[in-house]
PDB file of N, CA and C in Angstrom:
ATOM      1  N   MET A   1     -40.737  56.600 -64.026  1.00  0.00           N
ATOM      2  CA  MET A   1     -42.048  56.367 -64.888  1.00  0.00           C
ATOM      3  C   MET A   1     -41.936  57.394 -65.856  1.00  0.00           C
ATOM      4  N   ALA A   2     -42.127  57.049 -67.129  1.00  0.00           N
ATOM      5  CA  ALA A   2     -41.987  57.996 -68.274  1.00  0.00           C
ATOM      6  C   ALA A   2     -43.467  58.448 -68.257  1.00  0.00           C
ATOM      7  N   PRO A   3     -43.807  59.757 -68.770  1.00  0.00           N
ATOM      8  CA  PRO A   3     -44.716  60.455 -68.738  1.00  0.00           C
ATOM      9  C   PRO A   3     -45.705  59.983 -69.863  1.00  0.00           C
ATOM     10  N   SER A   4     -46.871  59.906 -69.584  1.00  0.00           N
ATOM     11  CA  SER A   4     -47.596  59.255 -70.894  1.00  0.00           C
ATOM     12  C   SER A   4     -47.576  60.052 -71.952  1.00  0.00           C
ATOM     13  N   GLY A   5     -47.364  59.033 -73.171  1.00  0.00           N
ATOM     14  CA  GLY A   5     -47.552  60.011 -74.448  1.00  0.00           C
ATOM     15  C   GLY A   5     -46.000  59.989 -74.743  1.00  0.00           C
ATOM     16  N   SER A   6     -45.120  59.420 -74.200  1.00  0.00           N
ATOM     17  CA  SER A   6     -43.813  59.506 -74.646  1.00  0.00           C
ATOM     18  C   SER A   6     -43.306  58.392 -75.460  1.00  0.00           C
ATOM     19  N   GLY A   7     -44.254  57.229 -75.707  1.00  0.00           N
ATOM     20  CA  GLY A   7     -43.973  56.235 -76.728  1.00  0.00           C
ATOM     21  C   GLY A   7     -43.374  55.102 -75.978  1.00  0.00           C
ATOM     22  N   ASP A   8     -43.429  55.295 -74.904  1.00  0.00           N
ATOM     23  CA  ASP A   8     -42.728  54.103 -73.922  1.00  0.00           C
ATOM     24  C   ASP A   8     -43.708  53.183 -73.316  1.00  0.00           C
ATOM     25  N   ASP A   9     -45.179  53.436 -73.791  1.00  0.00           N
ATOM     26  CA  ASP A   9     -46.101  52.784 -73.218  1.00  0.00           C
ATOM     27  C   ASP A   9     -46.225  51.421 -73.782  1.00  0.00           C
ATOM     28  N   ASN A  10     -45.422  51.395 -74.614  1.00  0.00           N
ATOM     29  CA  ASN A  10     -45.615  49.731 -75.442  1.00  0.00           C
ATOM     30  C   ASN A  10     -44.289  48.918 -75.235  1.00  0.00           C
ATOM     31  N   VAL A  11     -43.407  49.298 -74.181  1.00  0.00           N
ATOM     32  CA  VAL A  11     -42.270  48.571 -73.941  1.00  0.00           C
ATOM     33  C   VAL A  11     -42.525  47.149 -73.286  1.00  0.00           C
ATOM     34  N   ILE A  12     -41.788  46.107 -73.697  1.00  0.00           N
ATOM     35  CA  ILE A  12     -41.970  44.957 -73.130  1.00  0.00           C
ATOM     36  C   ILE A  12     -40.604  44.347 -72.386  1.00  0.00           C
ATOM     37  N   VAL A  13     -40.808  44.239 -71.251  1.00  0.00           N
ATOM     38  CA  VAL A  13     -39.544  43.782 -70.240  1.00  0.00           C
ATOM     39  C   VAL A  13     -39.244  42.350 -70.725  1.00  0.00           C
ATOM     40  N   LEU A  14     -38.224  41.946 -70.781  1.00  0.00           N
ATOM     41  CA  LEU A  14     -37.965  40.588 -71.117  1.00  0.00           C
ATOM     42  C   LEU A  14     -37.276  40.043 -69.785  1.00  0.00           C
ATOM     43  N   ARG A  15     -37.758  39.111 -69.157  1.00  0.00           N
ATOM     44  CA  ARG A  15     -37.228  38.732 -68.113  1.00  0.00           C
ATOM     45  C   ARG A  15     -36.204  37.415 -68.625  1.00  0.00           C
ATOM     46  N   PRO A  16     -35.210  37.414 -67.869  1.00  0.00           N
ATOM     47  CA  PRO A  16     -34.441  36.284 -68.427  1.00  0.00           C
ATOM     48  C   PRO A  16     -34.931  34.825 -67.468  1.00  0.00           C
ATOM     49  N   GLY A  17     -34.852  33.891 -68.286  1.00  0.00           N
ATOM     50  CA  GLY A  17     -35.410  32.588 -67.724  1.00  0.00           C
ATOM     51  C   GLY A  17     -34.507  31.521 -67.553  1.00  0.00           C
ATOM     52  N   ARG A  18     -34.790  30.166 -67.608  1.00  0.00           N
ATOM     53  CA  ARG A  18     -33.777  29.314 -67.452  1.00  0.00           C
ATOM     54  C   ARG A  18     -32.976  29.436 -68.519  1.00  0.00           C
ATOM     55  N   SER A  19     -31.744  29.049 -68.548  1.00  0.00           N
ATOM     56  CA  SER A  19     -30.850  28.908 -69.368  1.00  0.00           C
ATOM     57  C   SER A  19     -31.183  27.577 -70.231  1.00  0.00           C
ATOM     58  N   ARG A  20     -31.209  27.796 -71.554  1.00  0.00           N
ATOM     59  CA  ARG A  20     -31.506  26.474 -72.474  1.00  0.00           C
ATOM     60  C   ARG A  20     -30.424  25.835 -72.974  1.00  0.00           C
ATOM     61  N   GLY A  21     -29.419  25.131 -72.326  1.00  0.00           N
ATOM     62  CA  GLY A  21     -28.236  24.885 -73.084  1.00  0.00           C
ATOM     63  C   GLY A  21     -28.399  23.748 -73.717  1.00  0.00           C
ATOM     64  N   ILE A  22     -27.180  23.194 -74.604  1.00  0.00           N
ATOM     65  CA  ILE A  22     -27.622  22.470 -75.791  1.00  0.00           C
ATOM     66  C   ILE A  22     -28.144  20.933 -75.263  1.00  0.00           C
ATOM     67  N   LEU A  23     -27.825  20.492 -73.820  1.00  0.00           N
ATOM     68  CA  LEU A  23     -28.159  19.213 -73.247  1.00  0.00           C
ATOM     69  C   LEU A  23     -29.871  19.442 -73.022  1.00  0.00           C
ATOM     70  N   ARG A  24     -30.239  20.301 -72.714  1.00  0.00           N
ATOM     71  CA  ARG A  24     -31.661  20.373 -72.590  1.00  0.00           C
ATOM     72  C   ARG A  24     -32.286  20.395 -74.072  1.00  0.00           C
ATOM     73  N   GLU A  25     -31.957  19.926 -75.283  1.00  0.00           N
ATOM     74  CA  GLU A  25     -32.221  19.763 -76.536  1.00  0.00           C
ATOM     75  C   GLU A  25     -32.200  18.245 -76.567  1.00  0.00           C
ATOM     76  N   TRP A  26     -31.826  17.588 -75.715  1.00  0.00           N
ATOM     77  CA  TRP A  26     -31.703  16.051 -76.076  1.00  0.00           C
ATOM     78  C   TRP A  26     -32.883  15.207 -76.974  1.00  0.00           C
ATOM     79  N   PRO A  27     -33.810  15.523 -77.121  1.00  0.00           N
ATOM     80  CA  PRO A  27     -34.930  15.144 -78.036  1.00  0.00           C
ATOM     81  C   PRO A  27     -34.452  15.118 -79.210  1.00  0.00           C
ATOM     82  N   ILE A  28     -34.316  16.252 -79.608  1.00  0.00           N
ATOM     83  CA  ILE A  28     -33.686  16.400 -81.024  1.00  0.00           C
ATOM     84  C   ILE A  28     -32.273  15.984 -81.405  1.00  0.00           C
ATOM     85  N   ILE A  29     -31.472  16.060 -80.595  1.00  0.00           N
ATOM     86  CA  ILE A  29     -30.206  15.712 -80.782  1.00  0.00           C
ATOM     87  C   ILE A  29     -30.369  14.026 -80.672  1.00  0.00           C
ATOM     88  N   VAL A  30     -31.226  13.251 -80.082  1.00  0.00           N
ATOM     89  CA  VAL A  30     -31.187  11.627 -80.256  1.00  0.00           C
ATOM     90  C   VAL A  30     -31.614  11.641 -81.527  1.00  0.00           C
ATOM     91  N   VAL A  31     -32.593  12.235 -81.875  1.00  0.00           N
ATOM     92  CA  VAL A  31     -33.594  11.795 -83.396  1.00  0.00           C
ATOM     93  C   VAL A  31     -32.323  12.128 -84.558  1.00  0.00           C
ATOM     94  N   LEU A  32     -31.639  13.470 -84.297  1.00  0.00           N
ATOM     95  CA  LEU A  32     -30.643  13.638 -85.668  1.00  0.00           C
ATOM     96  C   LEU A  32     -29.792  12.811 -85.407  1.00  0.00           C
ATOM     97  N   ALA A  33     -29.317  12.102 -84.495  1.00  0.00           N
ATOM     98  CA  ALA A  33     -28.220  11.193 -84.313  1.00  0.00           C
ATOM     99  C   ALA A  33     -28.676  10.052 -85.322  1.00  0.00           C
ATOM    100  N   GLY A  34     -30.095   9.688 -84.949  1.00  0.00           N
ATOM    101  CA  GLY A  34     -30.423   8.459 -85.887  1.00  0.00           C
ATOM    102  C   GLY A  34     -30.505   8.596 -87.281  1.00  0.00           C
ATOM    103  N   VAL A  35     -30.857   9.953 -87.852  1.00  0.00           N
ATOM    104  CA  VAL A  35     -30.980  10.231 -88.807  1.00  0.00           C
ATOM    105  C   VAL A  35     -29.570  10.522 -89.723  1.00  0.00           C
ATOM    106  N   VAL A  36     -28.363  10.929 -88.926  1.00  0.00           N
ATOM    107  CA  VAL A  36     -27.319  10.817 -89.633  1.00  0.00           C
ATOM    108  C   VAL A  36     -26.489   9.416 -89.740  1.00  0.00           C
ATOM    109  N   LEU A  37     -26.966   8.508 -88.711  1.00  0.00           N
ATOM    110  CA  LEU A  37     -26.426   7.083 -88.878  1.00  0.00           C
ATOM    111  C   LEU A  37     -27.292   6.578 -89.917  1.00  0.00           C
ATOM    112  N   ALA A  38     -28.487   6.855 -90.225  1.00  0.00           N
ATOM    113  CA  ALA A  38     -29.321   6.459 -91.359  1.00  0.00           C
ATOM    114  C   ALA A  38     -28.894   6.702 -92.620  1.00  0.00           C
ATOM    115  N   MET A  39     -28.325   8.137 -92.737  1.00  0.00           N
ATOM    116  CA  MET A  39     -27.655   8.498 -94.149  1.00  0.00           C
ATOM    117  C   MET A  39     -26.270   8.043 -94.485  1.00  0.00           C
ATOM    118  N   ALA A  40     -25.672   7.891 -93.003  1.00  0.00           N
ATOM    119  CA  ALA A  40     -24.376   6.999 -93.369  1.00  0.00           C
ATOM    120  C   ALA A  40     -24.386   5.818 -93.898  1.00  0.00           C
ATOM    121  N   LEU A  41     -25.362   4.733 -93.242  1.00  0.00           N
ATOM    122  CA  LEU A  41     -25.795   3.483 -93.668  1.00  0.00           C
ATOM    123  C   LEU A  41     -26.152   3.538 -95.130  1.00  0.00           C
ATOM    124  N   ILE A  42     -27.262   4.418 -95.672  1.00  0.00           N
ATOM    125  CA  ILE A  42     -27.310   4.587 -96.854  1.00  0.00           C
ATOM    126  C   ILE A  42     -26.143   4.930 -97.931  1.00  0.00           C
ATOM    127  N   ALA A  43     -25.193   5.840 -97.381  1.00  0.00           N
ATOM    128  CA  ALA A  43     -24.178   6.083 -98.447  1.00  0.00           C
ATOM    129  C   ALA A  43     -23.539   5.197 -98.554  1.00  0.00           C
ATOM    130  N   MET A  44     -23.298   4.098 -97.399  1.00  0.00           N
ATOM    131  CA  MET A  44     -22.302   3.109 -97.700  1.00  0.00           C
ATOM    132  C   MET A  44     -23.161   1.661 -98.223  1.00  0.00           C
ATOM    133  N   ASP A  45     -24.187   2.127 -99.065  1.00  0.00           N
ATOM    134  CA  ASP A  45     -24.942   0.915-100.023  1.00  0.00           C
ATOM    135  C   ASP A  45     -25.446   0.013 -98.965  1.00  0.00           C
ATOM    136  N   ALA A  46     -26.216   0.608 -97.799  1.00  0.00           N
ATOM    137  CA  ALA A  46     -27.025  -0.317 -97.247  1.00  0.00           C
ATOM    138  C   ALA A  46     -28.217   0.449 -96.990  1.00  0.00           C
ATOM    139  N   PHE A  47     -28.992   0.377 -98.399  1.00  0.00           N
ATOM    140  CA  PHE A  47     -30.211   1.112 -98.322  1.00  0.00           C
ATOM    141  C   PHE A  47     -31.154   0.497 -97.316  1.00  0.00           C
ATOM    142  N   ARG A  48     -31.633  -0.776 -97.400  1.00  0.00           N
ATOM    143  CA  ARG A  48     -32.711  -1.209 -96.519  1.00  0.00           C
ATOM    144  C   ARG A  48     -32.267  -0.846 -94.931  1.00  0.00           C
ATOM    145  N   ARG A  49     -31.156  -1.048 -94.594  1.00  0.00           N
ATOM    146  CA  ARG A  49     -30.923  -0.843 -93.166  1.00  0.00           C
ATOM    147  C   ARG A  49     -30.725   0.503 -92.851  1.00  0.00           C
ATOM    148  N   GLY A  50     -30.585   1.607 -93.845  1.00  0.00           N
ATOM    149  CA  GLY A  50     -30.432   2.827 -93.465  1.00  0.00           C
ATOM    150  C   GLY A  50     -31.828   3.227 -93.440  1.00  0.00           C
ATOM    151  N   SER A  51     -32.822   2.703 -94.335  1.00  0.00           N
ATOM    152  CA  SER A  51     -33.992   3.272 -94.265  1.00  0.00           C
ATOM    153  C   SER A  51     -34.959   2.744 -93.096  1.00  0.00           C
ATOM    154  N   VAL A  52     -34.472   1.812 -92.559  1.00  0.00           N
ATOM    155  CA  VAL A  52     -35.167   1.353 -91.334  1.00  0.00           C
ATOM    156  C   VAL A  52     -34.733   2.184 -90.125  1.00  0.00           C
ATOM    157  N   VAL A  53     -33.478   2.529 -89.966  1.00  0.00           N
ATOM    158  CA  VAL A  53     -32.904   3.494 -89.112  1.00  0.00           C
ATOM    159  C   VAL A  53     -33.414   4.948 -89.158  1.00  0.00           C
ATOM    160  N   LEU A  54     -33.645   5.168 -90.510  1.00  0.00           N
ATOM    161  CA  LEU A  54     -34.477   6.476 -90.831  1.00  0.00           C
ATOM    162  C   LEU A  54     -35.899   6.561 -90.157  1.00  0.00           C
ATOM    163  N   SER A  55     -36.351   5.767 -90.662  1.00  0.00           N
ATOM    164  CA  SER A  55     -38.044   5.443 -89.985  1.00  0.00           C
ATOM    165  C   SER A  55     -38.086   5.139 -88.518  1.00  0.00           C
ATOM    166  N   ALA A  56     -37.259   4.184 -87.906  1.00  0.00           N
ATOM    167  CA  ALA A  56     -36.983   4.466 -86.547  1.00  0.00           C
ATOM    168  C   ALA A  56     -36.977   5.642 -85.921  1.00  0.00           C
ATOM    169  N   SER A  57     -35.924   6.773 -86.384  1.00  0.00           N
ATOM    170  CA  SER A  57     -35.870   8.000 -85.766  1.00  0.00           C
ATOM    171  C   SER A  57     -36.865   8.657 -85.834  1.00  0.00           C
ATOM    172  N   VAL A  58     -37.858   8.722 -86.855  1.00  0.00           N
ATOM    173  CA  VAL A  58     -38.824   9.611 -87.053  1.00  0.00           C
ATOM    174  C   VAL A  58     -39.948   9.028 -85.907  1.00  0.00           C
ATOM    175  N   LEU A  59     -40.288   7.480 -86.011  1.00  0.00           N
ATOM    176  CA  LEU A  59     -41.010   7.089 -84.924  1.00  0.00           C
ATOM    177  C   LEU A  59     -40.800   7.581 -83.447  1.00  0.00           C
ATOM    178  N   LEU A  60     -39.203   7.515 -83.469  1.00  0.00           N
ATOM    179  CA  LEU A  60     -38.897   7.927 -82.213  1.00  0.00           C
ATOM    180  C   LEU A  60     -39.175   9.287 -81.517  1.00  0.00           C
ATOM    181  N   ALA A  61     -39.269  10.040 -83.023  1.00  0.00           N
ATOM    182  CA  ALA A  61     -39.295  11.669 -82.699  1.00  0.00           C
ATOM    183  C   ALA A  61     -40.914  11.632 -82.477  1.00  0.00           C
ATOM    184  N   ALA A  62     -41.950  11.076 -83.086  1.00  0.00           N
ATOM    185  CA  ALA A  62     -43.269  10.839 -82.754  1.00  0.00           C
ATOM    186  C   ALA A  62     -43.614  10.389 -81.158  1.00  0.00           C
ATOM    187  N   PHE A  63     -42.580   9.460 -80.780  1.00  0.00           N
ATOM    188  CA  PHE A  63     -43.062   8.856 -79.403  1.00  0.00           C
ATOM    189  C   PHE A  63     -42.622   9.920 -78.174  1.00  0.00           C
ATOM    190  N   LEU A  64     -41.323  10.426 -78.745  1.00  0.00           N
ATOM    191  CA  LEU A  64     -40.994  11.416 -77.722  1.00  0.00           C
ATOM    192  C   LEU A  64     -41.897  12.602 -77.697  1.00  0.00           C
ATOM    193  N   ARG A  65     -42.414  13.164 -78.671  1.00  0.00           N
ATOM    194  CA  ARG A  65     -43.181  14.357 -78.816  1.00  0.00           C
ATOM    195  C   ARG A  65     -44.510  13.724 -77.904  1.00  0.00           C
ATOM    196  N   LEU A  66     -45.067  12.737 -78.237  1.00  0.00           N
ATOM    197  CA  LEU A  66     -46.203  12.149 -77.387  1.00  0.00           C
ATOM    198  C   LEU A  66     -46.006  12.025 -75.932  1.00  0.00           C
ATOM    199  N   LEU A  67     -44.803  11.478 -75.289  1.00  0.00           N
ATOM    200  CA  LEU A  67     -44.787  11.147 -74.014  1.00  0.00           C
ATOM    201  C   LEU A  67     -44.220  12.402 -73.159  1.00  0.00           C
ATOM    202  N   LEU A  68     -43.175  13.432 -73.855  1.00  0.00           N
ATOM    203  CA  LEU A  68     -42.506  14.568 -73.293  1.00  0.00           C
ATOM    204  C   LEU A  68     -43.662  15.792 -73.019  1.00  0.00           C
ATOM    205  N   PRO A  69     -43.531  16.458 -72.239  1.00  0.00           N
ATOM    206  CA  PRO A  69     -44.565  17.790 -71.831  1.00  0.00           C
ATOM    207  C   PRO A  69     -43.851  18.968 -72.830  1.00  0.00           C
ATOM    208  N   ASP A  70     -44.678  19.969 -73.142  1.00  0.00           N
ATOM    209  CA  ASP A  70     -44.269  20.566 -74.455  1.00  0.00           C
ATOM    210  C   ASP A  70     -42.821  21.531 -73.774  1.00  0.00           C
ATOM    211  N   GLY A  71     -42.769  21.492 -72.654  1.00  0.00           N
ATOM    212  CA  GLY A  71     -41.410  22.273 -72.154  1.00  0.00           C
ATOM    213  C   GLY A  71     -39.979  21.807 -72.275  1.00  0.00           C
ATOM    214  N   ASP A  72     -40.514  20.244 -72.039  1.00  0.00           N
ATOM    215  CA  ASP A  72     -39.177  19.315 -72.342  1.00  0.00           C
ATOM    216  C   ASP A  72     -38.867  18.690 -73.931  1.00  0.00           C
ATOM    217  N   ALA A  73     -39.893  19.217 -74.685  1.00  0.00           N
ATOM    218  CA  ALA A  73     -39.839  18.375 -75.820  1.00  0.00           C
ATOM    219  C   ALA A  73     -38.777  19.259 -76.868  1.00  0.00           C
ATOM    220  N   GLY A  74     -38.395  20.453 -76.311  1.00  0.00           N
ATOM    221  CA  GLY A  74     -37.569  21.188 -77.043  1.00  0.00           C
ATOM    222  C   GLY A  74     -37.948  21.606 -78.708  1.00  0.00           C
ATOM    223  N   MET A  75     -37.273  21.343 -79.301  1.00  0.00           N
ATOM    224  CA  MET A  75     -37.177  21.717 -80.769  1.00  0.00           C
ATOM    225  C   MET A  75     -38.254  20.635 -81.379  1.00  0.00           C
ATOM    226  N   LEU A  76     -38.410  19.597 -80.872  1.00  0.00           N
ATOM    227  CA  LEU A  76     -39.706  18.869 -81.399  1.00  0.00           C
ATOM    228  C   LEU A  76     -41.198  19.281 -81.338  1.00  0.00           C
ATOM    229  N   ALA A  77     -41.182  20.117 -80.596  1.00  0.00           N
ATOM    230  CA  ALA A  77     -42.569  20.913 -80.388  1.00  0.00           C
ATOM    231  C   ALA A  77     -42.766  21.947 -81.473  1.00  0.00           C
ATOM    232  N   VAL A  78     -43.385  21.733 -82.455  1.00  0.00           N
ATOM    233  CA  VAL A  78     -43.589  22.684 -83.373  1.00  0.00           C
ATOM    234  C   VAL A  78     -44.673  23.039 -83.546  1.00  0.00           C
ATOM    235  N   ARG A  79     -45.827  22.460 -83.528  1.00  0.00           N
ATOM    236  CA  ARG A  79     -47.248  22.610 -83.621  1.00  0.00           C
ATOM    237  C   ARG A  79     -47.593  22.075 -82.268  1.00  0.00           C
ATOM    238  N   SER A  80     -48.906  22.088 -82.238  1.00  0.00           N
ATOM    239  CA  SER A  80     -49.573  21.565 -81.246  1.00  0.00           C
ATOM    240  C   SER A  80     -49.217  20.047 -80.974  1.00  0.00           C
ATOM    241  N   LYS A  81     -49.296  19.587 -79.946  1.00  0.00           N
ATOM    242  CA  LYS A  81     -48.781  17.913 -79.831  1.00  0.00           C
ATOM    243  C   LYS A  81     -49.593  17.330 -80.694  1.00  0.00           C
ATOM    244  N   ARG A  82     -50.890  17.213 -80.750  1.00  0.00           N
ATOM    245  CA  ARG A  82     -51.538  16.310 -81.671  1.00  0.00           C
ATOM    246  C   ARG A  82     -51.431  16.235 -83.044  1.00  0.00           C
ATOM    247  N   ILE A  83     -51.079  17.420 -83.450  1.00  0.00           N
ATOM    248  CA  ILE A  83     -50.730  17.723 -85.051  1.00  0.00           C
ATOM    249  C   ILE A  83     -48.793  17.129 -85.160  1.00  0.00           C
ATOM    250  N   ASP A  84     -48.145  17.266 -84.131  1.00  0.00           N
ATOM    251  CA  ASP A  84     -46.920  16.834 -84.270  1.00  0.00           C
ATOM    252  C   ASP A  84     -46.702  15.384 -84.359  1.00  0.00           C
ATOM    253  N   VAL A  85     -47.449  14.845 -83.423  1.00  0.00           N
ATOM    254  CA  VAL A  85     -47.284  13.339 -83.386  1.00  0.00           C
ATOM    255  C   VAL A  85     -47.962  12.699 -84.529  1.00  0.00           C
ATOM    256  N   ILE A  86     -49.074  13.253 -84.946  1.00  0.00           N
ATOM    257  CA  ILE A  86     -49.816  12.655 -86.175  1.00  0.00           C
ATOM    258  C   ILE A  86     -49.148  12.796 -87.589  1.00  0.00           C
ATOM    259  N   THR A  87     -48.243  13.955 -87.585  1.00  0.00           N
ATOM    260  CA  THR A  87     -47.510  14.266 -88.552  1.00  0.00           C
ATOM    261  C   THR A  87     -46.136  13.385 -88.642  1.00  0.00           C
ATOM    262  N   LEU A  88     -45.734  13.212 -87.601  1.00  0.00           N
ATOM    263  CA  LEU A  88     -44.429  12.486 -87.231  1.00  0.00           C
ATOM    264  C   LEU A  88     -44.459  10.884 -87.440  1.00  0.00           C
ATOM    265  N   GLY A  89     -45.904  10.543 -86.950  1.00  0.00           N
ATOM    266  CA  GLY A  89     -46.315   9.083 -87.114  1.00  0.00           C
ATOM    267  C   GLY A  89     -46.531   8.604 -88.638  1.00  0.00           C
ATOM    268  N   LEU A  90     -47.362   9.688 -89.182  1.00  0.00           N
ATOM    269  CA  LEU A  90     -47.512   9.195 -90.302  1.00  0.00           C
ATOM    270  C   LEU A  90     -46.269   9.098 -91.445  1.00  0.00           C
ATOM    271  N   LEU A  91     -45.299  10.257 -91.160  1.00  0.00           N
ATOM    272  CA  LEU A  91     -44.069  10.232 -91.851  1.00  0.00           C
ATOM    273  C   LEU A  91     -43.267   9.036 -91.696  1.00  0.00           C
ATOM    274  N   GLY A  92     -43.165   8.336 -90.341  1.00  0.00           N
ATOM    275  CA  GLY A  92     -42.644   7.122 -90.022  1.00  0.00           C
ATOM    276  C   GLY A  92     -43.171   5.984 -90.401  1.00  0.00           C
ATOM    277  N   ILE A  93     -44.190   5.880 -90.500  1.00  0.00           N
ATOM    278  CA  ILE A  93     -45.058   4.672 -91.138  1.00  0.00           C
ATOM    279  C   ILE A  93     -44.743   4.731 -92.823  1.00  0.00           C
ATOM    280  N   GLY A  94     -45.119   5.761 -93.128  1.00  0.00           N
ATOM    281  CA  GLY A  94     -44.815   6.278 -94.913  1.00  0.00           C
ATOM    282  C   GLY A  94     -43.575   5.437 -95.130  1.00  0.00           C
ATOM    283  N   VAL A  95     -42.496   5.743 -94.476  1.00  0.00           N
ATOM    284  CA  VAL A  95     -41.018   5.719 -94.628  1.00  0.00           C
ATOM    285  C   VAL A  95     -40.865   4.186 -94.463  1.00  0.00           C
ATOM    286  N   THR A  96     -41.417   3.676 -93.672  1.00  0.00           N
ATOM    287  CA  THR A  96     -41.319   2.031 -93.221  1.00  0.00           C
ATOM    288  C   THR A  96     -42.244   1.223 -94.317  1.00  0.00           C
ATOM    289  N   VAL A  97     -43.047   1.886 -94.559  1.00  0.00           N
ATOM    290  CA  VAL A  97     -43.788   1.094 -95.962  1.00  0.00           C
ATOM    291  C   VAL A  97     -43.196   1.253 -96.957  1.00  0.00           C
ATOM    292  N   PHE A  98     -42.454   2.115 -97.464  1.00  0.00           N
ATOM    293  CA  PHE A  98     -41.788   2.383 -98.884  1.00  0.00           C
ATOM    294  C   PHE A  98     -40.052   1.489 -98.487  1.00  0.00           C
ATOM    295  N   THR A  99     -39.949   1.441 -97.406  1.00  0.00           N
ATOM    296  CA  THR A  99     -38.836   0.967 -97.100  1.00  0.00           C
ATOM    297  C   THR A  99     -38.755  -0.777 -97.612  1.00  0.00           C
ATOM    298  N   PHE A 100     -39.876  -1.373 -96.974  1.00  0.00           N
ATOM    299  CA  PHE A 100     -40.044  -2.572 -97.464  1.00  0.00           C
ATOM    300  C   PHE A 100     -41.029  -3.071 -98.980  1.00  0.00           C
ATOM    301  N   TRP A 101     -41.219  -1.766 -99.458  1.00  0.00           N
ATOM    302  CA  TRP A 101     -41.671  -1.896-100.706  1.00  0.00           C
ATOM    303  C   TRP A 101     -40.930  -1.671-101.843  1.00  0.00           C
ATOM    304  N   VAL A 102     -39.798  -1.200-101.721  1.00  0.00           N
ATOM    305  CA  VAL A 102     -38.795  -1.282-102.681  1.00  0.00           C
ATOM    306  C   VAL A 102     -38.087  -2.627-102.777  1.00  0.00           C
ATOM    307  N   PRO A 103     -38.202  -3.201-103.964  1.00  0.00           N
ATOM    308  CA  PRO A 103     -37.464  -4.545-103.999  1.00  0.00           C
ATOM    309  C   PRO A 103     -35.927  -4.445-103.681  1.00  0.00           C
ATOM    310  N   PRO A 104     -35.417  -5.517-103.418  1.00  0.00           N
ATOM    311  CA  PRO A 104     -33.809  -5.704-102.986  1.00  0.00           C
ATOM    312  C   PRO A 104     -33.192  -5.496-104.672  1.00  0.00           C
ATOM    313  N   PRO A 105     -32.078  -5.345-104.757  1.00  0.00           N
ATOM    314  CA  PRO A 105     -31.035  -5.127-105.954  1.00  0.00           C
ATOM    315  C   PRO A 105     -31.041  -6.217-106.198  1.00  0.00           C
ATOM    316  N   SER A 106     -30.863  -6.831-107.587  1.00  0.00           N
ATOM    317  CA  SER A 106     -30.782  -8.224-108.044  1.00  0.00           C
ATOM    318  C   SER A 106     -29.171  -8.580-108.519  1.00  0.00           C
TER     319      SER A 106
END
């Protein structure tokens, strides 16, 4: 033990926890794969299909955040569960509305 007053009173001991491998982040990997697919479709001039896939990916993120516990949600857990689900849900619905609002090319 260090004598009091030596400055070591505020030392925090970090305990090794479970290793968080890349596969433990499967929710964000699935969502990002959908976003990458959506961007590829949009780049190949399939705007509407790509936008639908993008909105489905965002809505999937909201659904996964709603169903998964905080420890399993990984990087999808940014704020409280309620705020995350509301934000992702509104973004997903907004992208869906704008997807079908834009007229097809003539």
